[in-house]
């Protein structure tokens, strides 16, 4: 888990650096009539943070899906067909929790 988080945050940091560089380059090449560079850079910080949070969520979604699939496979290896009951109970509990 630690290695996964390290690699995820490393990728997010690289994307953040690239996006900041692109937005800064665009903001500094705008003419004075088009936009105020100071306000563009102020908005850039909030937008970059939203992008970073989205990247973290995306990585968590595919990572969790992979982890669930692996857990079900390993459970099936130990329990055989009875693993279907355990997965059914877990899905039923999830549905009950989400309905509250």
Foldseek 3Di string as FASTA:
>chain_A
DVVLVVVLVVVLVVVLVVQLVVQLVVLVPDDPVPDDSVVSNVVSVVVSVVVSVVSVVVSVVVVVVVVVVVVLVVVCVVPPPCSVVVVVVVVVVVVVVVVD
